[in-house]
mmCIF file of all heavy atoms, coordinates in Angstrom:
data_MODEL
# 
_entry.id   MODEL 
# 
loop_
_atom_site.group_PDB 
_atom_site.id 
_atom_site.type_symbol 
_atom_site.label_atom_id 
_atom_site.label_alt_id 
_atom_site.label_comp_id 
_atom_site.label_asym_id 
_atom_site.label_entity_id 
_atom_site.label_seq_id 
_atom_site.pdbx_PDB_ins_code 
_atom_site.Cartn_x 
_atom_site.Cartn_y 
_atom_site.Cartn_z 
_atom_site.occupancy 
_atom_site.B_iso_or_equiv 
_atom_site.pdbx_formal_charge 
_atom_site.auth_seq_id 
_atom_site.auth_comp_id 
_atom_site.auth_asym_id 
_atom_site.auth_atom_id 
_atom_site.pdbx_PDB_model_num 
ATOM 1   N N   . ALA A 1 1  ? 127.804 20.826 -84.887 1.00 0.00 ? 1  ALA A N   1 
ATOM 2   C CA  . ALA A 1 1  ? 127.980 19.390 -85.106 1.00 0.00 ? 1  ALA A CA  1 
ATOM 3   C C   . ALA A 1 1  ? 128.083 18.675 -83.787 1.00 0.00 ? 1  ALA A C   1 
ATOM 4   O O   . ALA A 1 1  ? 127.443 17.577 -83.629 1.00 0.00 ? 1  ALA A O   1 
ATOM 5   C CB  . ALA A 1 1  ? 129.292 19.165 -85.933 1.00 0.00 ? 1  ALA A CB  1 
ATOM 6   N N   . CYS A 1 2  ? 128.776 19.178 -82.799 1.00 0.00 ? 2  CYS A N   1 
ATOM 7   C CA  . CYS A 1 2  ? 128.936 18.484 -81.526 1.00 0.00 ? 2  CYS A CA  1 
ATOM 8   C C   . CYS A 1 2  ? 127.625 18.541 -80.725 1.00 0.00 ? 2  CYS A C   1 
ATOM 9   O O   . CYS A 1 2  ? 127.381 17.661 -79.890 1.00 0.00 ? 2  CYS A O   1 
ATOM 10  C CB  . CYS A 1 2  ? 130.042 19.112 -80.728 1.00 0.00 ? 2  CYS A CB  1 
ATOM 11  S SG  . CYS A 1 2  ? 131.697 18.845 -81.387 1.00 0.00 ? 2  CYS A SG  1 
ATOM 12  N N   . LEU A 1 3  ? 126.762 19.553 -80.942 1.00 0.00 ? 3  LEU A N   1 
ATOM 13  C CA  . LEU A 1 3  ? 125.524 19.623 -80.209 1.00 0.00 ? 3  LEU A CA  1 
ATOM 14  C C   . LEU A 1 3  ? 124.472 18.670 -80.671 1.00 0.00 ? 3  LEU A C   1 
ATOM 15  O O   . LEU A 1 3  ? 123.372 18.664 -80.146 1.00 0.00 ? 3  LEU A O   1 
ATOM 16  C CB  . LEU A 1 3  ? 124.987 21.069 -80.253 1.00 0.00 ? 3  LEU A CB  1 
ATOM 17  C CG  . LEU A 1 3  ? 125.725 22.086 -79.346 1.00 0.00 ? 3  LEU A CG  1 
ATOM 18  C CD1 . LEU A 1 3  ? 125.272 23.449 -79.565 1.00 0.00 ? 3  LEU A CD1 1 
ATOM 19  C CD2 . LEU A 1 3  ? 125.594 21.644 -77.860 1.00 0.00 ? 3  LEU A CD2 1 
ATOM 20  N N   . LYS A 1 4  ? 124.782 17.863 -81.657 1.00 0.00 ? 4  LYS A N   1 
ATOM 21  C CA  . LYS A 1 4  ? 123.863 16.813 -82.075 1.00 0.00 ? 4  LYS A CA  1 
ATOM 22  C C   . LYS A 1 4  ? 123.792 15.730 -81.051 1.00 0.00 ? 4  LYS A C   1 
ATOM 23  O O   . LYS A 1 4  ? 122.868 14.861 -81.066 1.00 0.00 ? 4  LYS A O   1 
ATOM 24  C CB  . LYS A 1 4  ? 124.260 16.246 -83.461 1.00 0.00 ? 4  LYS A CB  1 
ATOM 25  C CG  . LYS A 1 4  ? 124.116 17.241 -84.610 1.00 0.00 ? 4  LYS A CG  1 
ATOM 26  C CD  . LYS A 1 4  ? 124.558 16.641 -85.910 1.00 0.00 ? 4  LYS A CD  1 
ATOM 27  C CE  . LYS A 1 4  ? 124.390 17.620 -87.072 1.00 0.00 ? 4  LYS A CE  1 
ATOM 28  N NZ  . LYS A 1 4  ? 124.867 17.081 -88.350 1.00 0.00 ? 4  LYS A NZ  1 
ATOM 29  N N   . MET A 1 5  ? 124.784 15.668 -80.191 1.00 0.00 ? 5  MET A N   1 
ATOM 30  C CA  . MET A 1 5  ? 124.803 14.651 -79.127 1.00 0.00 ? 5  MET A CA  1 
ATOM 31  C C   . MET A 1 5  ? 124.408 15.334 -77.790 1.00 0.00 ? 5  MET A C   1 
ATOM 32  O O   . MET A 1 5  ? 123.887 16.443 -77.798 1.00 0.00 ? 5  MET A O   1 
ATOM 33  C CB  . MET A 1 5  ? 126.176 14.014 -79.012 1.00 0.00 ? 5  MET A CB  1 
ATOM 34  C CG  . MET A 1 5  ? 127.299 14.972 -78.799 1.00 0.00 ? 5  MET A CG  1 
ATOM 35  S SD  . MET A 1 5  ? 128.890 14.259 -79.031 1.00 0.00 ? 5  MET A SD  1 
ATOM 36  C CE  . MET A 1 5  ? 128.949 14.139 -80.840 1.00 0.00 ? 5  MET A CE  1 
ATOM 37  N N   . ASP A 1 6  ? 124.604 14.655 -76.698 1.00 0.00 ? 6  ASP A N   1 
ATOM 38  C CA  . ASP A 1 6  ? 124.317 15.234 -75.385 1.00 0.00 ? 6  ASP A CA  1 
ATOM 39  C C   . ASP A 1 6  ? 125.024 16.575 -75.255 1.00 0.00 ? 6  ASP A C   1 
ATOM 40  O O   . ASP A 1 6  ? 126.168 16.723 -75.664 1.00 0.00 ? 6  ASP A O   1 
ATOM 41  C CB  . ASP A 1 6  ? 124.804 14.251 -74.276 1.00 0.00 ? 6  ASP A CB  1 
ATOM 42  C CG  . ASP A 1 6  ? 124.620 14.801 -72.925 1.00 0.00 ? 6  ASP A CG  1 
ATOM 43  O OD1 . ASP A 1 6  ? 123.507 14.787 -72.416 1.00 0.00 ? 6  ASP A OD1 1 
ATOM 44  O OD2 . ASP A 1 6  ? 125.642 15.250 -72.343 1.00 0.00 ? 6  ASP A OD2 1 
ATOM 45  N N   . LEU A 1 7  ? 124.341 17.565 -74.634 1.00 0.00 ? 7  LEU A N   1 
ATOM 46  C CA  . LEU A 1 7  ? 124.818 18.894 -74.535 1.00 0.00 ? 7  LEU A CA  1 
ATOM 47  C C   . LEU A 1 7  ? 126.189 18.987 -73.815 1.00 0.00 ? 7  LEU A C   1 
ATOM 48  O O   . LEU A 1 7  ? 127.160 19.619 -74.248 1.00 0.00 ? 7  LEU A O   1 
ATOM 49  C CB  . LEU A 1 7  ? 123.858 19.833 -73.889 1.00 0.00 ? 7  LEU A CB  1 
ATOM 50  C CG  . LEU A 1 7  ? 124.228 21.339 -73.819 1.00 0.00 ? 7  LEU A CG  1 
ATOM 51  C CD1 . LEU A 1 7  ? 124.359 21.903 -75.215 1.00 0.00 ? 7  LEU A CD1 1 
ATOM 52  C CD2 . LEU A 1 7  ? 123.168 22.075 -73.030 1.00 0.00 ? 7  LEU A CD2 1 
ATOM 53  N N   . ALA A 1 8  ? 126.230 18.279 -72.645 1.00 0.00 ? 8  ALA A N   1 
ATOM 54  C CA  . ALA A 1 8  ? 127.519 18.337 -71.864 1.00 0.00 ? 8  ALA A CA  1 
ATOM 55  C C   . ALA A 1 8  ? 128.643 17.674 -72.621 1.00 0.00 ? 8  ALA A C   1 
ATOM 56  O O   . ALA A 1 8  ? 129.735 18.189 -72.708 1.00 0.00 ? 8  ALA A O   1 
ATOM 57  C CB  . ALA A 1 8  ? 127.265 17.646 -70.508 1.00 0.00 ? 8  ALA A CB  1 
ATOM 58  N N   . LEU A 1 9  ? 128.387 16.488 -73.231 1.00 0.00 ? 9  LEU A N   1 
ATOM 59  C CA  . LEU A 1 9  ? 129.447 15.828 -73.956 1.00 0.00 ? 9  LEU A CA  1 
ATOM 60  C C   . LEU A 1 9  ? 129.799 16.605 -75.223 1.00 0.00 ? 9  LEU A C   1 
ATOM 61  O O   . LEU A 1 9  ? 130.965 16.743 -75.540 1.00 0.00 ? 9  LEU A O   1 
ATOM 62  C CB  . LEU A 1 9  ? 128.959 14.404 -74.368 1.00 0.00 ? 9  LEU A CB  1 
ATOM 63  C CG  . LEU A 1 9  ? 129.922 13.570 -75.198 1.00 0.00 ? 9  LEU A CG  1 
ATOM 64  C CD1 . LEU A 1 9  ? 131.255 13.391 -74.474 1.00 0.00 ? 9  LEU A CD1 1 
ATOM 65  C CD2 . LEU A 1 9  ? 129.315 12.234 -75.589 1.00 0.00 ? 9  LEU A CD2 1 
ATOM 66  N N   . GLY A 1 10 ? 128.806 17.132 -75.881 1.00 0.00 ? 10 GLY A N   1 
ATOM 67  C CA  . GLY A 1 10 ? 129.048 17.923 -77.079 1.00 0.00 ? 10 GLY A CA  1 
ATOM 68  C C   . GLY A 1 10 ? 129.884 19.137 -76.814 1.00 0.00 ? 10 GLY A C   1 
ATOM 69  O O   . GLY A 1 10 ? 130.790 19.487 -77.567 1.00 0.00 ? 10 GLY A O   1 
ATOM 70  N N   . SER A 1 11 ? 129.563 19.847 -75.680 1.00 0.00 ? 11 SER A N   1 
ATOM 71  C CA  . SER A 1 11 ? 130.355 21.007 -75.310 1.00 0.00 ? 11 SER A CA  1 
ATOM 72  C C   . SER A 1 11 ? 131.815 20.649 -75.005 1.00 0.00 ? 11 SER A C   1 
ATOM 73  O O   . SER A 1 11 ? 132.760 21.330 -75.402 1.00 0.00 ? 11 SER A O   1 
ATOM 74  C CB  . SER A 1 11 ? 129.742 21.683 -74.070 1.00 0.00 ? 11 SER A CB  1 
ATOM 75  O OG  . SER A 1 11 ? 128.388 22.090 -74.357 1.00 0.00 ? 11 SER A OG  1 
ATOM 76  N N   . LEU A 1 12 ? 132.001 19.525 -74.317 1.00 0.00 ? 12 LEU A N   1 
ATOM 77  C CA  . LEU A 1 12 ? 133.318 19.050 -74.022 1.00 0.00 ? 12 LEU A CA  1 
ATOM 78  C C   . LEU A 1 12 ? 134.131 18.737 -75.263 1.00 0.00 ? 12 LEU A C   1 
ATOM 79  O O   . LEU A 1 12 ? 135.269 19.164 -75.449 1.00 0.00 ? 12 LEU A O   1 
ATOM 80  C CB  . LEU A 1 12 ? 133.264 17.816 -73.093 1.00 0.00 ? 12 LEU A CB  1 
ATOM 81  C CG  . LEU A 1 12 ? 134.614 17.231 -72.726 1.00 0.00 ? 12 LEU A CG  1 
ATOM 82  C CD1 . LEU A 1 12 ? 135.501 18.147 -71.985 1.00 0.00 ? 12 LEU A CD1 1 
ATOM 83  C CD2 . LEU A 1 12 ? 134.388 15.931 -71.946 1.00 0.00 ? 12 LEU A CD2 1 
ATOM 84  N N   . LEU A 1 13 ? 133.504 18.011 -76.201 1.00 0.00 ? 13 LEU A N   1 
ATOM 85  C CA  . LEU A 1 13 ? 134.172 17.690 -77.470 1.00 0.00 ? 13 LEU A CA  1 
ATOM 86  C C   . LEU A 1 13 ? 134.516 18.910 -78.288 1.00 0.00 ? 13 LEU A C   1 
ATOM 87  O O   . LEU A 1 13 ? 135.578 19.018 -78.891 1.00 0.00 ? 13 LEU A O   1 
ATOM 88  C CB  . LEU A 1 13 ? 133.280 16.695 -78.261 1.00 0.00 ? 13 LEU A CB  1 
ATOM 89  C CG  . LEU A 1 13 ? 133.124 15.284 -77.684 1.00 0.00 ? 13 LEU A CG  1 
ATOM 90  C CD1 . LEU A 1 13 ? 132.180 14.456 -78.563 1.00 0.00 ? 13 LEU A CD1 1 
ATOM 91  C CD2 . LEU A 1 13 ? 134.508 14.596 -77.555 1.00 0.00 ? 13 LEU A CD2 1 
ATOM 92  N N   . ALA A 1 14 ? 133.569 19.853 -78.351 1.00 0.00 ? 14 ALA A N   1 
ATOM 93  C CA  . ALA A 1 14 ? 133.844 21.068 -79.084 1.00 0.00 ? 14 ALA A CA  1 
ATOM 94  C C   . ALA A 1 14 ? 135.024 21.824 -78.508 1.00 0.00 ? 14 ALA A C   1 
ATOM 95  O O   . ALA A 1 14 ? 135.891 22.293 -79.202 1.00 0.00 ? 14 ALA A O   1 
ATOM 96  C CB  . ALA A 1 14 ? 132.607 21.969 -79.101 1.00 0.00 ? 14 ALA A CB  1 
ATOM 97  N N   . SER A 1 15 ? 135.082 21.914 -77.160 1.00 0.00 ? 15 SER A N   1 
ATOM 98  C CA  . SER A 1 15 ? 136.240 22.594 -76.502 1.00 0.00 ? 15 SER A CA  1 
ATOM 99  C C   . SER A 1 15 ? 137.534 21.886 -76.779 1.00 0.00 ? 15 SER A C   1 
ATOM 100 O O   . SER A 1 15 ? 138.595 22.492 -77.033 1.00 0.00 ? 15 SER A O   1 
ATOM 101 C CB  . SER A 1 15 ? 135.947 22.639 -74.983 1.00 0.00 ? 15 SER A CB  1 
ATOM 102 O OG  . SER A 1 15 ? 134.789 23.375 -74.711 1.00 0.00 ? 15 SER A OG  1 
ATOM 103 N N   . LEU A 1 16 ? 137.488 20.522 -76.767 1.00 0.00 ? 16 LEU A N   1 
ATOM 104 C CA  . LEU A 1 16 ? 138.707 19.792 -77.025 1.00 0.00 ? 16 LEU A CA  1 
ATOM 105 C C   . LEU A 1 16 ? 139.209 20.029 -78.458 1.00 0.00 ? 16 LEU A C   1 
ATOM 106 O O   . LEU A 1 16 ? 140.418 20.221 -78.691 1.00 0.00 ? 16 LEU A O   1 
ATOM 107 C CB  . LEU A 1 16 ? 138.440 18.273 -76.831 1.00 0.00 ? 16 LEU A CB  1 
ATOM 108 C CG  . LEU A 1 16 ? 138.323 17.820 -75.349 1.00 0.00 ? 16 LEU A CG  1 
ATOM 109 C CD1 . LEU A 1 16 ? 137.953 16.349 -75.265 1.00 0.00 ? 16 LEU A CD1 1 
ATOM 110 C CD2 . LEU A 1 16 ? 139.597 18.079 -74.551 1.00 0.00 ? 16 LEU A CD2 1 
ATOM 111 N N   . PHE A 1 17 ? 138.239 20.006 -79.390 1.00 0.00 ? 17 PHE A N   1 
ATOM 112 C CA  . PHE A 1 17 ? 138.653 20.213 -80.785 1.00 0.00 ? 17 PHE A CA  1 
ATOM 113 C C   . PHE A 1 17 ? 139.227 21.612 -81.001 1.00 0.00 ? 17 PHE A C   1 
ATOM 114 O O   . PHE A 1 17 ? 140.240 21.823 -81.691 1.00 0.00 ? 17 PHE A O   1 
ATOM 115 C CB  . PHE A 1 17 ? 137.470 20.017 -81.723 1.00 0.00 ? 17 PHE A CB  1 
ATOM 116 C CG  . PHE A 1 17 ? 137.744 20.225 -83.175 1.00 0.00 ? 17 PHE A CG  1 
ATOM 117 C CD1 . PHE A 1 17 ? 138.236 19.180 -83.952 1.00 0.00 ? 17 PHE A CD1 1 
ATOM 118 C CD2 . PHE A 1 17 ? 137.648 21.474 -83.751 1.00 0.00 ? 17 PHE A CD2 1 
ATOM 119 C CE1 . PHE A 1 17 ? 138.541 19.409 -85.317 1.00 0.00 ? 17 PHE A CE1 1 
ATOM 120 C CE2 . PHE A 1 17 ? 137.893 21.696 -85.088 1.00 0.00 ? 17 PHE A CE2 1 
ATOM 121 C CZ  . PHE A 1 17 ? 138.375 20.668 -85.863 1.00 0.00 ? 17 PHE A CZ  1 
ATOM 122 N N   . LEU A 1 18 ? 138.627 22.602 -80.342 1.00 0.00 ? 18 LEU A N   1 
ATOM 123 C CA  . LEU A 1 18 ? 139.043 23.997 -80.584 1.00 0.00 ? 18 LEU A CA  1 
ATOM 124 C C   . LEU A 1 18 ? 140.322 24.362 -79.839 1.00 0.00 ? 18 LEU A C   1 
ATOM 125 O O   . LEU A 1 18 ? 141.108 25.171 -80.323 1.00 0.00 ? 18 LEU A O   1 
ATOM 126 C CB  . LEU A 1 18 ? 137.887 24.949 -80.166 1.00 0.00 ? 18 LEU A CB  1 
ATOM 127 C CG  . LEU A 1 18 ? 136.587 24.791 -81.029 1.00 0.00 ? 18 LEU A CG  1 
ATOM 128 C CD1 . LEU A 1 18 ? 135.499 25.647 -80.346 1.00 0.00 ? 18 LEU A CD1 1 
ATOM 129 C CD2 . LEU A 1 18 ? 136.840 25.319 -82.452 1.00 0.00 ? 18 LEU A CD2 1 
ATOM 130 N N   . PHE A 1 19 ? 140.565 23.791 -78.654 1.00 0.00 ? 19 PHE A N   1 
ATOM 131 C CA  . PHE A 1 19 ? 141.637 24.286 -77.822 1.00 0.00 ? 19 PHE A CA  1 
ATOM 132 C C   . PHE A 1 19 ? 142.674 23.270 -77.397 1.00 0.00 ? 19 PHE A C   1 
ATOM 133 O O   . PHE A 1 19 ? 143.750 23.688 -76.925 1.00 0.00 ? 19 PHE A O   1 
ATOM 134 C CB  . PHE A 1 19 ? 141.001 24.925 -76.570 1.00 0.00 ? 19 PHE A CB  1 
ATOM 135 C CG  . PHE A 1 19 ? 140.048 26.035 -76.829 1.00 0.00 ? 19 PHE A CG  1 
ATOM 136 C CD1 . PHE A 1 19 ? 138.742 25.944 -76.525 1.00 0.00 ? 19 PHE A CD1 1 
ATOM 137 C CD2 . PHE A 1 19 ? 140.557 27.225 -77.458 1.00 0.00 ? 19 PHE A CD2 1 
ATOM 138 C CE1 . PHE A 1 19 ? 137.865 27.008 -76.803 1.00 0.00 ? 19 PHE A CE1 1 
ATOM 139 C CE2 . PHE A 1 19 ? 139.689 28.246 -77.731 1.00 0.00 ? 19 PHE A CE2 1 
ATOM 140 C CZ  . PHE A 1 19 ? 138.367 28.177 -77.413 1.00 0.00 ? 19 PHE A CZ  1 
ATOM 141 N N   . LEU A 1 20 ? 142.435 21.966 -77.526 1.00 0.00 ? 20 LEU A N   1 
ATOM 142 C CA  . LEU A 1 20 ? 143.459 21.036 -77.038 1.00 0.00 ? 20 LEU A CA  1 
ATOM 143 C C   . LEU A 1 20 ? 144.759 21.135 -77.803 1.00 0.00 ? 20 LEU A C   1 
ATOM 144 O O   . LEU A 1 20 ? 145.847 21.165 -77.190 1.00 0.00 ? 20 LEU A O   1 
ATOM 145 C CB  . LEU A 1 20 ? 142.873 19.598 -77.162 1.00 0.00 ? 20 LEU A CB  1 
ATOM 146 C CG  . LEU A 1 20 ? 143.847 18.525 -76.719 1.00 0.00 ? 20 LEU A CG  1 
ATOM 147 C CD1 . LEU A 1 20 ? 144.231 18.647 -75.250 1.00 0.00 ? 20 LEU A CD1 1 
ATOM 148 C CD2 . LEU A 1 20 ? 143.281 17.106 -76.962 1.00 0.00 ? 20 LEU A CD2 1 
ATOM 149 N N   . VAL A 1 21 ? 144.679 21.224 -79.133 1.00 0.00 ? 21 VAL A N   1 
ATOM 150 C CA  . VAL A 1 21 ? 145.914 21.274 -79.921 1.00 0.00 ? 21 VAL A CA  1 
ATOM 151 C C   . VAL A 1 21 ? 146.731 22.543 -79.624 1.00 0.00 ? 21 VAL A C   1 
ATOM 152 O O   . VAL A 1 21 ? 147.933 22.451 -79.294 1.00 0.00 ? 21 VAL A O   1 
ATOM 153 C CB  . VAL A 1 21 ? 145.625 21.184 -81.426 1.00 0.00 ? 21 VAL A CB  1 
ATOM 154 C CG1 . VAL A 1 21 ? 146.842 21.449 -82.269 1.00 0.00 ? 21 VAL A CG1 1 
ATOM 155 C CG2 . VAL A 1 21 ? 145.075 19.766 -81.751 1.00 0.00 ? 21 VAL A CG2 1 
ATOM 156 N N   . PRO A 1 22 ? 146.194 23.722 -79.681 1.00 0.00 ? 22 PRO A N   1 
ATOM 157 C CA  . PRO A 1 22 ? 147.013 24.889 -79.374 1.00 0.00 ? 22 PRO A CA  1 
ATOM 158 C C   . PRO A 1 22 ? 147.514 24.947 -77.933 1.00 0.00 ? 22 PRO A C   1 
ATOM 159 O O   . PRO A 1 22 ? 148.671 25.352 -77.672 1.00 0.00 ? 22 PRO A O   1 
ATOM 160 C CB  . PRO A 1 22 ? 146.083 26.096 -79.665 1.00 0.00 ? 22 PRO A CB  1 
ATOM 161 C CG  . PRO A 1 22 ? 144.717 25.546 -79.646 1.00 0.00 ? 22 PRO A CG  1 
ATOM 162 C CD  . PRO A 1 22 ? 144.823 24.152 -80.121 1.00 0.00 ? 22 PRO A CD  1 
ATOM 163 N N   . LEU A 1 23 ? 146.718 24.449 -76.963 1.00 0.00 ? 23 LEU A N   1 
ATOM 164 C CA  . LEU A 1 23 ? 147.179 24.454 -75.628 1.00 0.00 ? 23 LEU A CA  1 
ATOM 165 C C   . LEU A 1 23 ? 148.305 23.449 -75.411 1.00 0.00 ? 23 LEU A C   1 
ATOM 166 O O   . LEU A 1 23 ? 149.301 23.699 -74.685 1.00 0.00 ? 23 LEU A O   1 
ATOM 167 C CB  . LEU A 1 23 ? 146.028 24.082 -74.652 1.00 0.00 ? 23 LEU A CB  1 
ATOM 168 C CG  . LEU A 1 23 ? 144.964 25.221 -74.485 1.00 0.00 ? 23 LEU A CG  1 
ATOM 169 C CD1 . LEU A 1 23 ? 143.843 24.666 -73.582 1.00 0.00 ? 23 LEU A CD1 1 
ATOM 170 C CD2 . LEU A 1 23 ? 145.566 26.451 -73.881 1.00 0.00 ? 23 LEU A CD2 1 
ATOM 171 N N   . ALA A 1 24 ? 148.221 22.294 -76.090 1.00 0.00 ? 24 ALA A N   1 
ATOM 172 C CA  . ALA A 1 24 ? 149.297 21.331 -76.055 1.00 0.00 ? 24 ALA A CA  1 
ATOM 173 C C   . ALA A 1 24 ? 150.571 21.860 -76.622 1.00 0.00 ? 24 ALA A C   1 
ATOM 174 O O   . ALA A 1 24 ? 151.665 21.697 -76.073 1.00 0.00 ? 24 ALA A O   1 
ATOM 175 C CB  . ALA A 1 24 ? 148.851 20.060 -76.670 1.00 0.00 ? 24 ALA A CB  1 
ATOM 176 N N   . LEU A 1 25 ? 150.443 22.556 -77.762 1.00 0.00 ? 25 LEU A N   1 
ATOM 177 C CA  . LEU A 1 25 ? 151.632 23.136 -78.406 1.00 0.00 ? 25 LEU A CA  1 
ATOM 178 C C   . LEU A 1 25 ? 152.294 24.176 -77.532 1.00 0.00 ? 25 LEU A C   1 
ATOM 179 O O   . LEU A 1 25 ? 153.531 24.217 -77.373 1.00 0.00 ? 25 LEU A O   1 
ATOM 180 C CB  . LEU A 1 25 ? 151.248 23.730 -79.765 1.00 0.00 ? 25 LEU A CB  1 
ATOM 181 C CG  . LEU A 1 25 ? 150.834 22.729 -80.876 1.00 0.00 ? 25 LEU A CG  1 
ATOM 182 C CD1 . LEU A 1 25 ? 150.289 23.526 -82.074 1.00 0.00 ? 25 LEU A CD1 1 
ATOM 183 C CD2 . LEU A 1 25 ? 152.042 21.866 -81.244 1.00 0.00 ? 25 LEU A CD2 1 
ATOM 184 N N   . LEU A 1 26 ? 151.491 25.061 -76.931 1.00 0.00 ? 26 LEU A N   1 
ATOM 185 C CA  . LEU A 1 26 ? 152.025 26.074 -76.043 1.00 0.00 ? 26 LEU A CA  1 
ATOM 186 C C   . LEU A 1 26 ? 152.622 25.490 -74.787 1.00 0.00 ? 26 LEU A C   1 
ATOM 187 O O   . LEU A 1 26 ? 153.604 26.047 -74.266 1.00 0.00 ? 26 LEU A O   1 
ATOM 188 C CB  . LEU A 1 26 ? 150.947 27.095 -75.733 1.00 0.00 ? 26 LEU A CB  1 
ATOM 189 C CG  . LEU A 1 26 ? 150.457 27.949 -76.912 1.00 0.00 ? 26 LEU A CG  1 
ATOM 190 C CD1 . LEU A 1 26 ? 149.312 28.825 -76.450 1.00 0.00 ? 26 LEU A CD1 1 
ATOM 191 C CD2 . LEU A 1 26 ? 151.590 28.797 -77.457 1.00 0.00 ? 26 LEU A CD2 1 
ATOM 192 N N   . ALA A 1 27 ? 152.030 24.377 -74.282 1.00 0.00 ? 27 ALA A N   1 
ATOM 193 C CA  . ALA A 1 27 ? 152.617 23.746 -73.132 1.00 0.00 ? 27 ALA A CA  1 
ATOM 194 C C   . ALA A 1 27 ? 153.998 23.173 -73.304 1.00 0.00 ? 27 ALA A C   1 
ATOM 195 O O   . ALA A 1 27 ? 154.821 23.029 -72.392 1.00 0.00 ? 27 ALA A O   1 
ATOM 196 C CB  . ALA A 1 27 ? 151.694 22.616 -72.622 1.00 0.00 ? 27 ALA A CB  1 
# 
């Protein structure tokens, strides 16, 4: 879904969706 946009932006958004919440919780 994120790769429908620019590759760099899509990769960043995918990483944020997948890891921001658990990293924030662990922090």
